[in-house]
Amino acid sequence: MIGPPWPERTVEIDHVENTYRLSGVHGRPIWGSDDPDCAKMSRNFLLTDLRRGGEAIIAGVRAIEYTGRRSASEAHTYWLAPTLGCTQMKVLVSRHNSLGLPTFSSREEVTLLRMGEPEPALFQVPPNYRPVR
């Protein structure tokens, strides 16, 4: 196993490729407790044409949808969970070319949420995994 968790670091473990990556902290370490509909947090994404959409239950948690554009060809949609400090529960990003044809699509979604301290073993890199940059 490779050392204990590193402070202020992200450990990304890829169990398909048997690799790991150490990097800086990802995301925003902000807890939006005074943001009951996550409207303040949504403005941090610096999107134009920002709009609040509907609501969804993601991994058992209520999330509010916000959609906007990063550029004329790039759209972003975020589902934020007010009860979890406006944590991103789902993110969709899509890009298209000048003809309107899709050129890129990305989706990240929380599929399982366990409240509480995580098991330390989740942050241990198996000994046969190799680092990537």
C-alpha atoms as a PDB file:
ATOM      1  CA  MET A   1       0.000   0.000   0.000  1.00  0.00           C
ATOM      2  CA  ILE A   2       1.112   3.548  -0.712  1.00  0.00           C
ATOM      3  CA  GLY A   3       1.082   5.790   2.387  1.00  0.00           C
ATOM      4  CA  PRO A   4      -1.796   7.347   4.293  1.00  0.00           C
ATOM      5  CA  PRO A   5      -4.075   9.972   2.765  1.00  0.00           C
ATOM      6  CA  TRP A   6      -2.189  13.133   1.845  1.00  0.00           C
ATOM      7  CA  PRO A   7      -3.515  16.396   3.304  1.00  0.00           C
ATOM      8  CA  GLU A   8      -5.032  18.725   0.722  1.00  0.00           C
ATOM      9  CA  ARG A   9      -4.573  16.148  -2.035  1.00  0.00           C
ATOM     10  CA  THR A  10      -6.871  14.128  -4.233  1.00  0.00           C
ATOM     11  CA  VAL A  11      -6.096  10.454  -4.774  1.00  0.00           C
ATOM     12  CA  GLU A  12      -7.666   9.176  -8.004  1.00  0.00           C
ATOM     13  CA  ILE A  13      -7.559   5.380  -8.255  1.00  0.00           C
ATOM     14  CA  ASP A  14      -8.411   3.724 -11.582  1.00  0.00           C
ATOM     15  CA  HIS A  15      -9.292   0.087 -10.934  1.00  0.00           C
ATOM     16  CA  VAL A  16      -9.667  -0.637 -14.656  1.00  0.00           C
ATOM     17  CA  GLU A  17      -6.175   0.515 -15.666  1.00  0.00           C
ATOM     18  CA  ASN A  18      -4.562  -0.298 -12.275  1.00  0.00           C
ATOM     19  CA  THR A  19      -3.194   3.236 -11.996  1.00  0.00           C
ATOM     20  CA  TYR A  20      -3.380   6.130  -9.565  1.00  0.00           C
ATOM     21  CA  ARG A  21      -2.889   9.879  -9.707  1.00  0.00           C
ATOM     22  CA  LEU A  22      -2.134  12.348  -6.916  1.00  0.00           C
ATOM     23  CA  SER A  23      -3.298  15.884  -7.530  1.00  0.00           C
ATOM     24  CA  GLY A  24      -4.477  19.012  -5.792  1.00  0.00           C
ATOM     25  CA  VAL A  25      -7.891  19.255  -4.220  1.00  0.00           C
ATOM     26  CA  HIS A  26     -10.686  19.065  -6.811  1.00  0.00           C
ATOM     27  CA  GLY A  27     -13.935  20.940  -6.605  1.00  0.00           C
ATOM     28  CA  ARG A  28     -14.804  23.722  -4.241  1.00  0.00           C
ATOM     29  CA  PRO A  29     -14.369  23.131  -0.513  1.00  0.00           C
ATOM     30  CA  ILE A  30     -17.389  25.333   0.182  1.00  0.00           C
ATOM     31  CA  TRP A  31     -20.353  24.369   2.309  1.00  0.00           C
ATOM     32  CA  GLY A  32     -23.295  26.521   1.250  1.00  0.00           C
ATOM     33  CA  SER A  33     -25.367  26.213   4.438  1.00  0.00           C
ATOM     34  CA  ASP A  34     -26.983  29.616   3.893  1.00  0.00           C
ATOM     35  CA  ASP A  35     -27.973  28.778   0.304  1.00  0.00           C
ATOM     36  CA  PRO A  36     -31.271  26.834   0.553  1.00  0.00           C
ATOM     37  CA  ASP A  37     -31.828  26.604  -3.220  1.00  0.00           C
ATOM     38  CA  CYS A  38     -28.114  26.641  -4.221  1.00  0.00           C
ATOM     39  CA  ALA A  39     -28.597  29.825  -6.266  1.00  0.00           C
ATOM     40  CA  LYS A  40     -25.439  31.416  -4.808  1.00  0.00           C
ATOM     41  CA  MET A  41     -23.362  28.313  -5.499  1.00  0.00           C
ATOM     42  CA  SER A  42     -24.652  28.088  -9.076  1.00  0.00           C
ATOM     43  CA  ARG A  43     -23.203  31.534  -9.823  1.00  0.00           C
ATOM     44  CA  ASN A  44     -19.712  30.207  -8.987  1.00  0.00           C
ATOM     45  CA  PHE A  45     -19.764  28.184 -12.220  1.00  0.00           C
ATOM     46  CA  LEU A  46     -19.456  31.415 -14.255  1.00  0.00           C
ATOM     47  CA  LEU A  47     -22.055  30.375 -16.812  1.00  0.00           C
ATOM     48  CA  THR A  48     -24.016  32.717 -19.036  1.00  0.00           C
ATOM     49  CA  ASP A  49     -27.768  32.334 -19.463  1.00  0.00           C
ATOM     50  CA  LEU A  50     -27.908  30.590 -16.058  1.00  0.00           C
ATOM     51  CA  ARG A  51     -31.338  29.093 -15.380  1.00  0.00           C
ATOM     52  CA  ARG A  52     -32.824  27.082 -12.585  1.00  0.00           C
ATOM     53  CA  GLY A  53     -34.516  23.916 -13.795  1.00  0.00           C
ATOM     54  CA  GLY A  54     -36.413  21.212 -11.995  1.00  0.00           C
ATOM     55  CA  GLU A  55     -35.536  18.961  -9.106  1.00  0.00           C
ATOM     56  CA  ALA A  56     -34.461  15.330  -8.987  1.00  0.00           C
ATOM     57  CA  ILE A  57     -33.584  12.710  -6.411  1.00  0.00           C
ATOM     58  CA  ILE A  58     -29.997  11.553  -6.990  1.00  0.00           C
ATOM     59  CA  ALA A  59     -28.536   8.824  -4.782  1.00  0.00           C
ATOM     60  CA  GLY A  60     -31.436   9.431  -2.396  1.00  0.00           C
ATOM     61  CA  VAL A  61     -30.791  13.174  -2.079  1.00  0.00           C
ATOM     62  CA  ARG A  62     -32.893  16.082  -3.416  1.00  0.00           C
ATOM     63  CA  ALA A  63     -30.951  18.069  -6.032  1.00  0.00           C
ATOM     64  CA  ILE A  64     -31.785  21.268  -7.909  1.00  0.00           C
ATOM     65  CA  GLU A  65     -30.877  21.630 -11.583  1.00  0.00           C
ATOM     66  CA  TYR A  66     -29.013  24.668 -12.967  1.00  0.00           C
ATOM     67  CA  THR A  67     -28.184  25.037 -16.665  1.00  0.00           C
ATOM     68  CA  GLY A  68     -26.070  27.579 -18.505  1.00  0.00           C
ATOM     69  CA  ARG A  69     -23.430  28.092 -21.150  1.00  0.00           C
ATOM     70  CA  ARG A  70     -19.656  28.374 -20.837  1.00  0.00           C
ATOM     71  CA  SER A  71     -19.493  29.534 -24.467  1.00  0.00           C
ATOM     72  CA  ALA A  72     -21.754  29.558 -27.530  1.00  0.00           C
ATOM     73  CA  SER A  73     -20.787  25.941 -28.221  1.00  0.00           C
ATOM     74  CA  GLU A  74     -20.587  24.544 -24.651  1.00  0.00           C
ATOM     75  CA  ALA A  75     -23.523  23.832 -22.322  1.00  0.00           C
ATOM     76  CA  HIS A  76     -23.307  22.795 -18.661  1.00  0.00           C
ATOM     77  CA  THR A  77     -25.973  21.361 -16.377  1.00  0.00           C
ATOM     78  CA  TYR A  78     -25.418  20.891 -12.638  1.00  0.00           C
ATOM     79  CA  TRP A  79     -27.651  19.242 -10.040  1.00  0.00           C
ATOM     80  CA  LEU A  80     -26.825  20.652  -6.605  1.00  0.00           C
ATOM     81  CA  ALA A  81     -27.922  19.207  -3.244  1.00  0.00           C
ATOM     82  CA  PRO A  82     -28.925  21.910  -0.719  1.00  0.00           C
ATOM     83  CA  THR A  83     -28.903  19.472   2.224  1.00  0.00           C
ATOM     84  CA  LEU A  84     -25.266  18.651   1.434  1.00  0.00           C
ATOM     85  CA  GLY A  85     -24.032  22.245   1.208  1.00  0.00           C
ATOM     86  CA  CYS A  86     -24.865  22.439  -2.523  1.00  0.00           C
ATOM     87  CA  THR A  87     -22.602  19.525  -3.431  1.00  0.00           C
ATOM     88  CA  GLN A  88     -22.586  18.655  -7.147  1.00  0.00           C
ATOM     89  CA  MET A  89     -24.606  15.448  -7.476  1.00  0.00           C
ATOM     90  CA  LYS A  90     -24.638  15.322 -11.279  1.00  0.00           C
ATOM     91  CA  VAL A  91     -22.809  17.279 -13.993  1.00  0.00           C
ATOM     92  CA  LEU A  92     -23.437  17.203 -17.745  1.00  0.00           C
ATOM     93  CA  VAL A  93     -21.223  19.008 -20.257  1.00  0.00           C
ATOM     94  CA  SER A  94     -21.802  19.059 -23.996  1.00  0.00           C
ATOM     95  CA  ARG A  95     -20.110  20.809 -26.902  1.00  0.00           C
ATOM     96  CA  HIS A  96     -21.103  21.191 -30.524  1.00  0.00           C
ATOM     97  CA  ASN A  97     -19.438  22.520 -33.665  1.00  0.00           C
ATOM     98  CA  SER A  98     -20.546  25.404 -35.891  1.00  0.00           C
ATOM     99  CA  LEU A  99     -22.988  23.092 -37.683  1.00  0.00           C
ATOM    100  CA  GLY A 100     -24.651  22.215 -34.393  1.00  0.00           C
ATOM    101  CA  LEU A 101     -23.299  18.655 -34.422  1.00  0.00           C
ATOM    102  CA  PRO A 102     -22.161  17.211 -31.083  1.00  0.00           C
ATOM    103  CA  THR A 103     -18.385  17.006 -30.613  1.00  0.00           C
ATOM    104  CA  PHE A 104     -18.115  16.213 -26.887  1.00  0.00           C
ATOM    105  CA  SER A 105     -20.258  14.910 -24.060  1.00  0.00           C
ATOM    106  CA  SER A 106     -19.384  14.264 -20.426  1.00  0.00           C
ATOM    107  CA  ARG A 107     -21.479  12.986 -17.529  1.00  0.00           C
ATOM    108  CA  GLU A 108     -20.574  12.590 -13.855  1.00  0.00           C
ATOM    109  CA  GLU A 109     -23.141  11.427 -11.319  1.00  0.00           C
ATOM    110  CA  VAL A 110     -23.168  10.333  -7.705  1.00  0.00           C
ATOM    111  CA  THR A 111     -24.589   6.808  -7.689  1.00  0.00           C
ATOM    112  CA  LEU A 112     -24.018   5.884  -4.042  1.00  0.00           C
ATOM    113  CA  LEU A 113     -23.820   8.153  -1.040  1.00  0.00           C
ATOM    114  CA  ARG A 114     -22.843   7.047   2.453  1.00  0.00           C
ATOM    115  CA  MET A 115     -22.899   9.740   5.106  1.00  0.00           C
ATOM    116  CA  GLY A 116     -20.077   9.793   7.660  1.00  0.00           C
ATOM    117  CA  GLU A 117     -16.335   9.323   7.700  1.00  0.00           C
ATOM    118  CA  PRO A 118     -15.074   7.221   4.765  1.00  0.00           C
ATOM    119  CA  GLU A 119     -13.193   4.005   5.340  1.00  0.00           C
ATOM    120  CA  PRO A 120      -9.406   4.746   5.314  1.00  0.00           C
ATOM    121  CA  ALA A 121      -8.896   1.775   2.982  1.00  0.00           C
ATOM    122  CA  LEU A 122     -10.669   3.716   0.211  1.00  0.00           C
ATOM    123  CA  PHE A 123      -7.640   6.003   0.038  1.00  0.00           C
ATOM    124  CA  GLN A 124      -5.008   3.296  -0.032  1.00  0.00           C
ATOM    125  CA  VAL A 125      -3.447   2.612  -3.410  1.00  0.00           C
ATOM    126  CA  PRO A 126      -2.919  -1.119  -4.039  1.00  0.00           C
ATOM    127  CA  PRO A 127       0.797  -1.979  -4.269  1.00  0.00           C
ATOM    128  CA  ASN A 128       0.663  -3.198  -7.899  1.00  0.00           C
ATOM    129  CA  TYR A 129      -0.841   0.074  -9.236  1.00  0.00           C
ATOM    130  CA  ARG A 130       1.402   2.479 -11.144  1.00  0.00           C
ATOM    131  CA  PRO A 131       1.354   6.287 -10.944  1.00  0.00           C
ATOM    132  CA  VAL A 132       0.260   8.395 -13.910  1.00  0.00           C
ATOM    133  CA  ARG A 133       0.580  12.119 -14.471  1.00  0.00           C
END
